[in-house]
Amino acid sequence: MASKEEAWKLEWRISVGNGTTERLVPTYGPSKRIFLWLKGFVMKVILERIAKSMRKIWRIGADDPAKVVHCLKVGLALSLVSIFYYMRPLYDGVGGNAMWAIMTVVVVFESTVGATFSKCVNRVVATILAGTLGIAVHWVATQSGKAEIFVTASSVFLFAFTATYSRLVPSFKSRFDYGAMIFILTFSLVSVGGYRVDKLFDMAQQRASTIAIGTTICIVITVFLCPIWAGSQLHRLVQCNFVKLADSLDGCVEEYFKMKDISTNEDKETNMKLQGFKCVLNSKGTEEAMANLARWEPAHGSFNFRHPWQQYVKTGAAMRRCAYCLENLSICMNYETEVPDKVKNHFGEACMKLGSACSEILRELADMIKNTRKSSKIDYLVFDMNSAVQELQETLKDVPIETNKPEDDEDVKSEEDNKEGDRTIAMSLHEVLPVATLVSLLIENAARIQTTVEAVDELANLADFKQESKKKIGSNNAT
């Protein structure tokens, strides 16, 4: 063994004219070079892409473990419902229609409890209603003699038209769209299929039982095994949006007036905070969908059965009005017209004070929603914000604007200024105008924040938020 290992370590060398030696490298033919090139291509391109895609897949599950949990629950539900297909007694008990239970689980099982409840209730109610009407239409058609085909076709047209038209109504579509689709499918199968099937009632009963089995398994697993509540997700989404708004507001004002030095390491975090308002602007569809699903969920945690989920949508709408102001503020930061430092220094302190007051209110509202408790200091914060607004308005009124006057008037004015002392610095209108735009947006944003406070107060009253404890109030006053 030792001699073989030493033989592999041997290499051929040749003598060169200058007295040194070089290692002799074997030359490969064209076929060998092509093979080595293909091997390198496979290793570098294909395997690297596979590894990159696997890292992405792993990152998706690591960032949101709830997705992995949902996949596990779907697999468990399908495994349990498959027992009715594998075991002969259970298979005969449902009349050989166990596949309908499997199809129900595949179609009905969703990631959140509310979405699963919504589809389960819609499917069961629509199946029972459509099956009952289908059997009734079949009986009427059989009693009509030669007009059986006409009665069946007319009933299918009438009910399909009505159910399809109901799907176009927004209030109905948001909650019962899936049920209307199942109603059309089931009614068509029962009424039309009854023309060729003798035991129509037995077939409808067996399919209804398999659907009930599938929906029951889905509800049990999604509620009792690592439940994912749409209401809790909506609650956290609104709370996080308040924090993002506060960070964006602070970042916009600080970036505009350059009140603090930002290092290169903090530059990326600052840009992310500045763009936080975009998440609020894009969350409308998610909030409305979660609110519709949360209404189907049973009481859980600190949320009752009739929790005011629609008030979260109104609160989100009020936040988006604030986010539109922040979007305009970010546009002001990118003006091509440079604002002199003297103008920024004149407005900087008042703008920073108002921005800090507004962001503090937004963070206090986020704490209210997070802890589901009414705040004892929100009124004081609103008072401070209104005071900052008045101070900023006074600062805007006191701006000395230069005007084009005759030279004699300018000489008289300069003499008077020399007597009074140079207390103020005259500014031209084109220098003040960009900052005046930002000031007006900050004032408008403060007014919209006050509307948001009212929306959150209404949510606290409807949801019966608890009052803040006296100990916590005393500690806040002490700080």
Protein backbone atom coordinates (compact mmCIF):
# COMPACT_ATOMS: atom_id res chain seq x y z
CA MET A 1 0.00 0.00 0.00
CA ALA A 2 2.81 2.40 0.85
CA SER A 3 4.51 1.80 -2.49
CA LYS A 4 1.27 2.52 -4.40
CA GLU A 5 0.72 5.77 -2.53
CA GLU A 6 4.29 6.84 -3.25
CA ALA A 7 3.83 5.95 -6.91
CA TRP A 8 0.88 8.36 -7.17
CA LYS A 9 3.07 11.15 -5.76
CA LEU A 10 5.74 10.70 -8.42
CA GLU A 11 5.91 13.20 -11.27
CA TRP A 12 7.92 13.45 -14.47
CA ARG A 13 10.41 16.31 -14.87
CA ILE A 14 12.69 17.31 -17.75
CA SER A 15 15.97 19.22 -17.75
CA VAL A 16 16.02 22.69 -19.31
CA GLY A 17 19.02 24.35 -20.90
CA ASN A 18 19.59 26.78 -18.00
CA GLY A 19 20.17 23.89 -15.57
CA THR A 20 16.68 23.84 -14.03
CA THR A 21 13.91 21.26 -14.35
CA GLU A 22 10.25 21.64 -15.28
CA ARG A 23 7.30 19.41 -14.53
CA LEU A 24 6.13 17.46 -17.55
CA VAL A 25 2.36 17.99 -18.05
CA PRO A 26 0.57 15.42 -20.22
CA THR A 27 -1.21 16.78 -23.27
CA TYR A 28 -4.88 15.89 -23.88
CA GLY A 29 -6.59 15.21 -27.15
CA PRO A 30 -9.64 17.11 -28.48
CA SER A 31 -12.14 14.63 -27.02
CA LYS A 32 -10.55 14.87 -23.57
CA ARG A 33 -10.53 18.67 -23.65
CA ILE A 34 -14.21 18.74 -24.67
CA PHE A 35 -15.03 16.38 -21.82
CA LEU A 36 -13.17 18.52 -19.31
CA TRP A 37 -14.91 21.65 -20.62
CA LEU A 38 -18.33 20.04 -20.31
CA LYS A 39 -17.48 18.87 -16.82
CA GLY A 40 -16.44 22.38 -15.78
CA PHE A 41 -19.57 23.85 -17.39
CA VAL A 42 -21.82 21.47 -15.48
CA MET A 43 -20.04 22.10 -12.20
CA LYS A 44 -19.97 25.89 -12.51
CA VAL A 45 -23.26 26.70 -14.21
CA ILE A 46 -25.81 23.99 -13.50
CA LEU A 47 -24.71 23.01 -10.02
CA GLU A 48 -24.26 26.65 -8.99
CA ARG A 49 -27.78 27.47 -10.16
CA ILE A 50 -29.18 24.49 -8.28
CA ALA A 51 -27.34 25.55 -5.14
CA LYS A 52 -28.54 29.15 -5.56
CA SER A 53 -32.17 28.05 -5.97
CA MET A 54 -31.89 25.77 -2.96
CA ARG A 55 -30.56 28.65 -0.87
CA LYS A 56 -33.53 30.78 -1.97
CA ILE A 57 -35.97 28.03 -1.05
CA TRP A 58 -34.32 27.61 2.33
CA ARG A 59 -34.38 31.37 2.94
CA ILE A 60 -38.14 31.50 2.25
CA GLY A 61 -38.82 28.95 4.97
CA ALA A 62 -36.31 30.47 7.37
CA ASP A 63 -37.75 33.98 6.99
CA ASP A 64 -41.35 32.83 7.45
CA PRO A 65 -41.66 29.49 9.33
CA ALA A 66 -45.45 29.76 9.13
CA LYS A 67 -45.24 28.72 5.47
CA VAL A 68 -43.46 25.52 6.42
CA VAL A 69 -46.04 24.85 9.13
CA HIS A 70 -48.84 25.30 6.62
CA CYS A 71 -47.24 22.79 4.25
CA LEU A 72 -46.92 20.26 7.07
CA LYS A 73 -50.58 20.72 8.03
CA VAL A 74 -51.73 20.20 4.45
CA GLY A 75 -49.73 16.99 4.24
CA LEU A 76 -51.19 15.77 7.53
CA ALA A 77 -54.76 16.57 6.47
CA LEU A 78 -54.36 14.70 3.19
CA SER A 79 -52.82 11.72 4.98
CA LEU A 80 -55.74 11.50 7.39
CA VAL A 81 -58.45 11.87 4.77
CA SER A 82 -56.74 9.25 2.57
CA ILE A 83 -57.60 6.64 5.19
CA PHE A 84 -61.19 6.73 3.92
CA TYR A 85 -59.90 5.68 0.51
CA TYR A 86 -57.43 2.99 1.64
CA MET A 87 -59.56 1.20 4.24
CA ARG A 88 -62.38 -0.88 2.76
CA PRO A 89 -64.97 -0.39 5.59
CA LEU A 90 -64.61 3.39 5.47
CA TYR A 91 -64.55 3.39 1.68
CA ASP A 92 -67.81 1.39 1.49
CA GLY A 93 -69.33 3.62 4.20
CA VAL A 94 -69.14 6.66 1.97
CA GLY A 95 -70.39 4.80 -1.07
CA GLY A 96 -67.09 4.79 -2.94
CA ASN A 97 -66.96 8.60 -3.12
CA ALA A 98 -63.96 9.05 -0.79
CA MET A 99 -62.13 10.93 -3.53
CA TRP A 100 -64.48 13.87 -2.95
CA ALA A 101 -63.14 14.20 0.59
CA ILE A 102 -59.58 14.35 -0.73
CA MET A 103 -60.56 16.96 -3.31
CA THR A 104 -62.26 18.99 -0.58
CA VAL A 105 -59.08 19.10 1.51
CA VAL A 106 -56.99 20.16 -1.49
CA VAL A 107 -59.37 22.97 -2.43
CA VAL A 108 -60.42 24.18 1.03
CA PHE A 109 -57.26 24.11 3.15
CA GLU A 110 -55.70 27.59 3.41
CA SER A 111 -52.84 29.08 5.41
CA THR A 112 -54.97 31.06 7.90
CA VAL A 113 -57.84 29.95 10.09
CA GLY A 114 -60.16 32.59 8.68
CA ALA A 115 -59.54 31.58 5.06
CA THR A 116 -60.11 27.90 5.87
CA PHE A 117 -63.30 28.65 7.82
CA SER A 118 -64.56 30.84 4.98
CA LYS A 119 -64.08 28.17 2.34
CA CYS A 120 -65.40 25.35 4.55
CA VAL A 121 -68.61 27.19 5.45
CA ASN A 122 -69.12 28.35 1.87
CA ARG A 123 -68.59 24.85 0.51
CA VAL A 124 -70.86 23.09 3.02
CA VAL A 125 -73.71 25.60 2.82
CA ALA A 126 -73.51 25.87 -0.96
CA THR A 127 -73.43 22.07 -1.34
CA ILE A 128 -76.45 21.53 0.93
CA LEU A 129 -78.45 24.36 -0.67
CA ALA A 130 -77.59 23.37 -4.24
CA GLY A 131 -78.19 19.69 -3.54
CA THR A 132 -81.60 20.38 -2.03
CA LEU A 133 -82.65 22.63 -4.90
CA GLY A 134 -81.28 20.15 -7.43
CA ILE A 135 -83.34 17.30 -5.98
CA ALA A 136 -86.43 19.52 -5.89
CA VAL A 137 -85.95 20.55 -9.53
CA HIS A 138 -85.41 16.92 -10.48
CA TRP A 139 -88.68 15.93 -8.82
CA VAL A 140 -90.57 18.74 -10.54
CA ALA A 141 -89.02 17.77 -13.87
CA THR A 142 -90.01 14.11 -13.52
CA GLN A 143 -93.58 15.14 -12.74
CA SER A 144 -93.79 17.33 -15.83
CA GLY A 145 -93.66 14.41 -18.25
CA LYS A 146 -92.38 15.34 -21.71
CA ALA A 147 -91.28 18.79 -20.52
CA GLU A 148 -88.63 17.26 -18.22
CA ILE A 149 -85.70 18.40 -20.34
CA PHE A 150 -87.13 21.91 -20.71
CA VAL A 151 -87.71 22.26 -16.94
CA THR A 152 -84.20 21.03 -16.11
CA ALA A 153 -82.49 23.26 -18.66
CA SER A 154 -84.54 26.31 -17.63
CA SER A 155 -83.76 25.80 -13.94
CA VAL A 156 -80.04 25.43 -14.67
CA PHE A 157 -80.09 28.65 -16.69
CA LEU A 158 -82.04 30.57 -14.04
CA PHE A 159 -79.98 29.53 -11.01
CA ALA A 160 -76.66 29.78 -12.86
CA PHE A 161 -77.54 33.29 -14.03
CA THR A 162 -78.58 34.36 -10.51
CA ALA A 163 -75.51 32.87 -8.80
CA THR A 164 -73.12 34.31 -11.39
CA TYR A 165 -74.69 37.77 -11.16
CA SER A 166 -74.38 37.67 -7.36
CA ARG A 167 -70.63 37.21 -7.78
CA LEU A 168 -70.48 40.64 -9.39
CA VAL A 169 -71.87 42.38 -6.30
CA PRO A 170 -68.83 43.65 -4.31
CA SER A 171 -70.28 43.06 -0.83
CA PHE A 172 -71.34 39.51 -1.77
CA LYS A 173 -68.17 38.73 -3.70
CA SER A 174 -65.86 39.55 -0.79
CA ARG A 175 -67.43 36.89 1.45
CA PHE A 176 -69.41 34.36 -0.63
CA ASP A 177 -67.72 34.24 -4.02
CA TYR A 178 -66.41 30.71 -3.47
CA GLY A 179 -69.81 29.55 -2.23
CA ALA A 180 -71.54 30.88 -5.35
CA MET A 181 -69.10 28.99 -7.56
CA ILE A 182 -69.66 25.74 -5.62
CA PHE A 183 -73.41 26.30 -5.78
CA ILE A 184 -73.30 26.49 -9.58
CA LEU A 185 -71.16 23.36 -9.80
CA THR A 186 -73.21 21.25 -7.38
CA PHE A 187 -76.59 22.31 -8.70
CA SER A 188 -75.55 21.53 -12.27
CA LEU A 189 -74.20 18.10 -11.27
CA VAL A 190 -77.30 17.15 -9.29
CA SER A 191 -79.98 18.53 -11.60
CA VAL A 192 -78.39 17.43 -14.87
CA GLY A 193 -76.91 14.21 -13.49
CA GLY A 194 -80.32 13.19 -12.15
CA TYR A 195 -81.54 12.73 -15.71
CA ARG A 196 -79.34 9.60 -16.07
CA VAL A 197 -78.86 8.52 -12.42
CA ASP A 198 -81.56 6.51 -10.69
CA LYS A 199 -80.52 6.90 -7.04
CA LEU A 200 -80.02 10.65 -7.09
CA PHE A 201 -80.78 11.17 -3.39
CA ASP A 202 -78.20 8.56 -2.30
CA MET A 203 -75.55 10.12 -4.53
CA ALA A 204 -76.20 13.60 -3.13
CA GLN A 205 -76.14 12.31 0.44
CA GLN A 206 -72.83 10.48 -0.07
CA ARG A 207 -71.12 13.48 -1.62
CA ALA A 208 -72.39 15.76 1.13
CA SER A 209 -71.02 13.38 3.76
CA THR A 210 -67.58 13.21 2.11
CA ILE A 211 -67.44 17.00 1.89
CA ALA A 212 -68.40 17.22 5.57
CA ILE A 213 -65.59 14.79 6.46
CA GLY A 214 -63.02 16.78 4.49
CA THR A 215 -64.06 20.14 5.92
CA THR A 216 -64.12 18.79 9.47
CA ILE A 217 -60.57 17.47 9.19
CA CYS A 218 -59.41 20.81 7.77
CA ILE A 219 -61.05 22.83 10.55
CA VAL A 220 -59.69 20.62 13.33
CA ILE A 221 -56.12 20.70 12.04
CA THR A 222 -56.03 24.40 11.20
CA VAL A 223 -57.47 25.43 14.61
CA PHE A 224 -55.72 23.08 17.01
CA LEU A 225 -52.34 22.56 15.31
CA CYS A 226 -50.20 25.72 15.24
CA PRO A 227 -53.07 28.01 14.17
CA ILE A 228 -52.28 31.04 12.01
CA TRP A 229 -54.90 33.72 12.69
CA ALA A 230 -55.68 36.30 10.03
CA GLY A 231 -56.88 38.68 12.76
CA SER A 232 -53.55 38.57 14.58
CA GLN A 233 -51.69 39.16 11.32
CA LEU A 234 -53.89 42.19 10.58
CA HIS A 235 -53.30 43.50 14.10
CA ARG A 236 -49.52 43.21 13.74
CA LEU A 237 -49.60 44.70 10.24
CA VAL A 238 -51.35 47.88 11.39
CA GLN A 239 -49.03 48.20 14.38
CA CYS A 240 -45.92 47.79 12.21
CA ASN A 241 -47.23 50.33 9.71
CA PHE A 242 -47.42 52.96 12.45
CA VAL A 243 -43.78 52.32 13.32
CA LYS A 244 -42.76 52.54 9.65
CA LEU A 245 -44.58 55.85 9.29
CA ALA A 246 -42.81 57.26 12.34
CA ASP A 247 -39.40 56.13 11.08
CA SER A 248 -40.06 57.57 7.63
CA LEU A 249 -41.16 60.91 9.07
CA ASP A 250 -38.08 61.18 11.27
CA GLY A 251 -35.82 60.14 8.42
CA CYS A 252 -37.30 62.63 5.94
CA VAL A 253 -36.97 65.64 8.26
CA GLU A 254 -33.49 64.71 9.49
CA GLU A 255 -32.26 64.01 5.96
CA TYR A 256 -33.61 67.31 4.65
CA PHE A 257 -32.12 69.48 7.37
CA LYS A 258 -29.04 67.24 7.95
CA MET A 259 -29.45 67.47 11.71
CA LYS A 260 -27.20 64.49 12.37
CA ASP A 261 -24.27 62.86 10.63
CA ILE A 262 -25.03 59.53 9.02
CA SER A 263 -22.16 57.06 8.69
CA THR A 264 -21.78 54.76 5.75
CA ASN A 265 -22.91 51.77 7.83
CA GLU A 266 -26.14 53.51 8.76
CA ASP A 267 -26.82 54.74 5.23
CA LYS A 268 -28.65 51.58 4.11
CA GLU A 269 -30.78 51.46 7.25
CA THR A 270 -31.67 55.12 6.81
CA ASN A 271 -32.75 54.56 3.21
CA MET A 272 -34.91 51.63 4.28
CA LYS A 273 -36.59 53.77 6.94
CA LEU A 274 -37.16 56.57 4.44
CA GLN A 275 -38.97 54.14 2.13
CA GLY A 276 -41.12 52.69 4.92
CA PHE A 277 -44.16 54.74 3.89
CA LYS A 278 -44.31 52.77 0.62
CA CYS A 279 -45.18 49.65 2.58
CA VAL A 280 -48.12 51.53 4.09
CA LEU A 281 -49.29 52.69 0.66
CA ASN A 282 -49.16 49.12 -0.71
CA SER A 283 -50.95 47.46 2.23
CA LYS A 284 -54.53 48.38 1.31
CA GLY A 285 -55.36 45.12 -0.44
CA THR A 286 -53.75 43.02 2.28
CA GLU A 287 -55.63 44.83 5.04
CA GLU A 288 -59.00 44.44 3.32
CA ALA A 289 -58.41 40.74 2.60
CA MET A 290 -57.30 40.02 6.17
CA ALA A 291 -60.27 41.93 7.60
CA ASN A 292 -62.70 39.87 5.51
CA LEU A 293 -61.05 36.62 6.59
CA ALA A 294 -60.81 37.63 10.25
CA ARG A 295 -64.59 37.96 10.46
CA TRP A 296 -64.88 34.19 9.94
CA GLU A 297 -62.54 33.30 12.80
CA PRO A 298 -63.73 32.30 16.27
CA ALA A 299 -62.69 34.21 19.38
CA HIS A 300 -58.97 33.86 20.07
CA GLY A 301 -56.51 35.64 22.31
CA SER A 302 -57.65 39.17 23.05
CA PHE A 303 -60.03 39.24 20.06
CA ASN A 304 -63.72 38.51 20.57
CA PHE A 305 -65.99 36.91 17.99
CA ARG A 306 -67.42 40.25 16.83
CA HIS A 307 -64.18 42.18 16.98
CA PRO A 308 -64.34 45.42 14.92
CA TRP A 309 -62.08 44.25 12.12
CA GLN A 310 -63.45 46.79 9.67
CA GLN A 311 -62.20 49.57 11.92
CA TYR A 312 -58.66 48.36 11.17
CA VAL A 313 -59.38 49.05 7.50
CA LYS A 314 -60.51 52.60 8.36
CA THR A 315 -57.39 53.09 10.47
CA GLY A 316 -55.25 51.85 7.59
CA ALA A 317 -56.97 54.33 5.25
CA ALA A 318 -56.16 57.17 7.67
CA MET A 319 -52.53 56.03 7.77
CA ARG A 320 -52.31 56.01 4.00
CA ARG A 321 -53.42 59.64 3.92
CA CYS A 322 -50.42 60.39 6.13
CA ALA A 323 -48.21 58.25 3.90
CA TYR A 324 -49.19 60.33 0.86
CA CYS A 325 -47.87 63.40 2.68
CA LEU A 326 -44.62 61.58 3.41
CA GLU A 327 -44.36 60.63 -0.26
CA ASN A 328 -44.54 64.32 -1.16
CA LEU A 329 -41.97 65.07 1.54
CA SER A 330 -39.59 62.60 -0.05
CA ILE A 331 -40.10 64.38 -3.38
CA CYS A 332 -39.18 67.69 -1.71
CA MET A 333 -35.89 66.12 -0.64
CA ASN A 334 -34.98 65.55 -4.29
CA TYR A 335 -35.59 69.09 -5.53
CA GLU A 336 -32.94 70.24 -7.96
CA THR A 337 -33.10 73.76 -6.50
CA GLU A 338 -30.58 74.02 -3.69
CA VAL A 339 -31.81 75.69 -0.53
CA PRO A 340 -29.30 77.98 1.23
CA ASP A 341 -28.17 77.03 4.71
CA LYS A 342 -29.54 80.26 6.18
CA VAL A 343 -33.06 79.23 5.14
CA LYS A 344 -32.65 75.74 6.56
CA ASN A 345 -31.29 77.13 9.81
CA HIS A 346 -34.27 79.46 10.11
CA PHE A 347 -36.84 76.63 9.79
CA GLY A 348 -34.80 73.67 10.99
CA GLU A 349 -35.55 73.76 14.72
CA ALA A 350 -39.31 74.28 14.32
CA CYS A 351 -39.61 71.58 11.64
CA MET A 352 -37.61 69.11 13.70
CA LYS A 353 -39.80 69.82 16.70
CA LEU A 354 -42.99 69.19 14.74
CA GLY A 355 -41.60 66.07 13.09
CA SER A 356 -40.52 64.67 16.45
CA ALA A 357 -43.95 65.38 17.96
CA CYS A 358 -45.74 63.68 15.05
CA SER A 359 -43.51 60.61 15.11
CA GLU A 360 -43.94 60.29 18.87
CA ILE A 361 -47.72 60.20 18.42
CA LEU A 362 -47.40 57.52 15.74
CA ARG A 363 -45.25 55.37 18.01
CA GLU A 364 -47.69 55.84 20.88
CA LEU A 365 -50.52 54.68 18.61
CA ALA A 366 -48.43 51.64 17.67
CA ASP A 367 -48.00 50.82 21.37
CA MET A 368 -51.75 51.21 21.93
CA ILE A 369 -52.55 48.67 19.24
CA LYS A 370 -49.75 46.32 20.25
CA ASN A 371 -50.76 46.22 23.92
CA THR A 372 -54.52 46.65 23.25
CA ARG A 373 -54.62 49.36 25.92
CA LYS A 374 -55.77 52.95 25.87
CA SER A 375 -53.04 55.52 26.22
CA SER A 376 -53.11 58.06 29.04
CA LYS A 377 -50.71 60.48 27.39
CA ILE A 378 -52.00 60.62 23.82
CA ASP A 379 -53.91 63.85 24.58
CA TYR A 380 -50.74 65.51 25.87
CA LEU A 381 -48.85 64.41 22.77
CA VAL A 382 -51.54 65.84 20.50
CA PHE A 383 -51.38 69.12 22.47
CA ASP A 384 -47.60 69.23 21.98
CA MET A 385 -48.05 68.58 18.26
CA ASN A 386 -50.57 71.42 17.91
CA SER A 387 -48.21 73.72 19.80
CA ALA A 388 -45.39 72.77 17.43
CA VAL A 389 -47.70 73.49 14.47
CA GLN A 390 -48.45 76.98 15.81
CA GLU A 391 -44.76 77.62 16.41
CA LEU A 392 -43.92 76.56 12.86
CA GLN A 393 -46.65 78.78 11.46
CA GLU A 394 -45.27 81.73 13.41
CA THR A 395 -41.80 80.96 12.09
CA LEU A 396 -43.17 80.99 8.57
CA LYS A 397 -44.87 84.35 9.14
CA ASP A 398 -41.68 85.95 10.51
CA VAL A 399 -39.61 85.21 7.41
CA PRO A 400 -38.10 88.49 6.05
CA ILE A 401 -38.70 88.37 2.32
CA GLU A 402 -36.64 90.56 -0.04
CA THR A 403 -38.56 92.61 -2.60
CA ASN A 404 -37.40 94.54 -5.61
CA LYS A 405 -37.63 98.23 -4.54
CA PRO A 406 -36.05 101.46 -5.84
CA GLU A 407 -32.52 102.21 -4.71
CA ASP A 408 -33.64 105.17 -2.55
CA ASP A 409 -35.96 102.89 -0.58
CA GLU A 410 -33.23 100.29 -0.24
CA ASP A 411 -30.81 102.92 1.13
CA VAL A 412 -33.39 104.07 3.68
CA LYS A 413 -34.09 100.49 4.65
CA SER A 414 -30.41 99.67 5.03
CA GLU A 415 -29.92 102.69 7.31
CA GLU A 416 -32.83 101.59 9.47
CA ASP A 417 -31.46 98.04 9.62
CA ASN A 418 -28.07 99.36 10.70
CA LYS A 419 -29.71 101.32 13.48
CA GLU A 420 -31.75 98.35 14.71
CA GLY A 421 -28.91 95.87 14.26
CA ASP A 422 -28.67 92.85 11.99
CA ARG A 423 -31.08 90.58 13.86
CA THR A 424 -32.60 88.95 10.78
CA ILE A 425 -31.26 87.90 7.43
CA ALA A 426 -33.32 88.85 4.39
CA MET A 427 -34.29 85.94 2.11
CA SER A 428 -35.52 85.94 -1.45
CA LEU A 429 -38.80 84.28 -2.36
CA HIS A 430 -37.28 81.60 -4.59
CA GLU A 431 -35.04 80.56 -1.67
CA VAL A 432 -37.93 80.24 0.79
CA LEU A 433 -40.43 78.57 -1.56
CA PRO A 434 -39.03 74.97 -1.43
CA VAL A 435 -38.87 75.04 2.37
CA ALA A 436 -42.33 76.61 2.53
CA THR A 437 -43.64 73.64 0.56
CA LEU A 438 -42.10 71.25 3.07
CA VAL A 439 -43.51 73.28 5.97
CA SER A 440 -47.02 73.16 4.51
CA LEU A 441 -46.73 69.39 4.05
CA LEU A 442 -45.63 68.95 7.66
CA ILE A 443 -48.60 71.00 8.86
CA GLU A 444 -50.98 69.03 6.66
CA ASN A 445 -49.45 65.79 7.89
CA ALA A 446 -50.06 66.87 11.49
CA ALA A 447 -53.75 67.45 10.69
CA ARG A 448 -54.01 63.99 9.11
CA ILE A 449 -52.27 62.41 12.10
CA GLN A 450 -54.95 63.93 14.32
CA THR A 451 -57.57 62.19 12.15
CA THR A 452 -55.63 58.94 12.58
CA VAL A 453 -55.68 59.41 16.35
CA GLU A 454 -59.46 59.70 16.22
CA ALA A 455 -59.69 56.48 14.18
CA VAL A 456 -57.53 54.59 16.69
CA ASP A 457 -59.57 55.99 19.60
CA GLU A 458 -62.73 54.71 17.92
CA LEU A 459 -61.06 51.31 17.48
CA ALA A 460 -60.10 51.28 21.17
CA ASN A 461 -63.68 52.03 22.19
CA LEU A 462 -65.25 49.44 19.89
CA ALA A 463 -62.73 46.74 20.84
CA ASP A 464 -62.94 47.57 24.58
CA PHE A 465 -59.25 48.27 25.05
CA LYS A 466 -58.31 48.30 28.72
CA GLN A 467 -57.21 51.44 30.48
CA GLU A 468 -53.50 51.88 31.10
CA SER A 469 -52.48 50.79 34.60
CA LYS A 470 -51.76 53.43 37.22
CA LYS A 471 -48.27 52.07 37.88
CA LYS A 472 -47.33 52.44 34.24
CA ILE A 473 -48.77 55.96 34.17
CA GLY A 474 -46.66 56.90 37.21
CA SER A 475 -43.50 55.50 35.65
CA ASN A 476 -44.14 57.43 32.41
CA ASN A 477 -44.63 60.67 34.34
CA ALA A 478 -41.44 60.03 36.30
CA THR A 479 -39.44 59.64 33.12
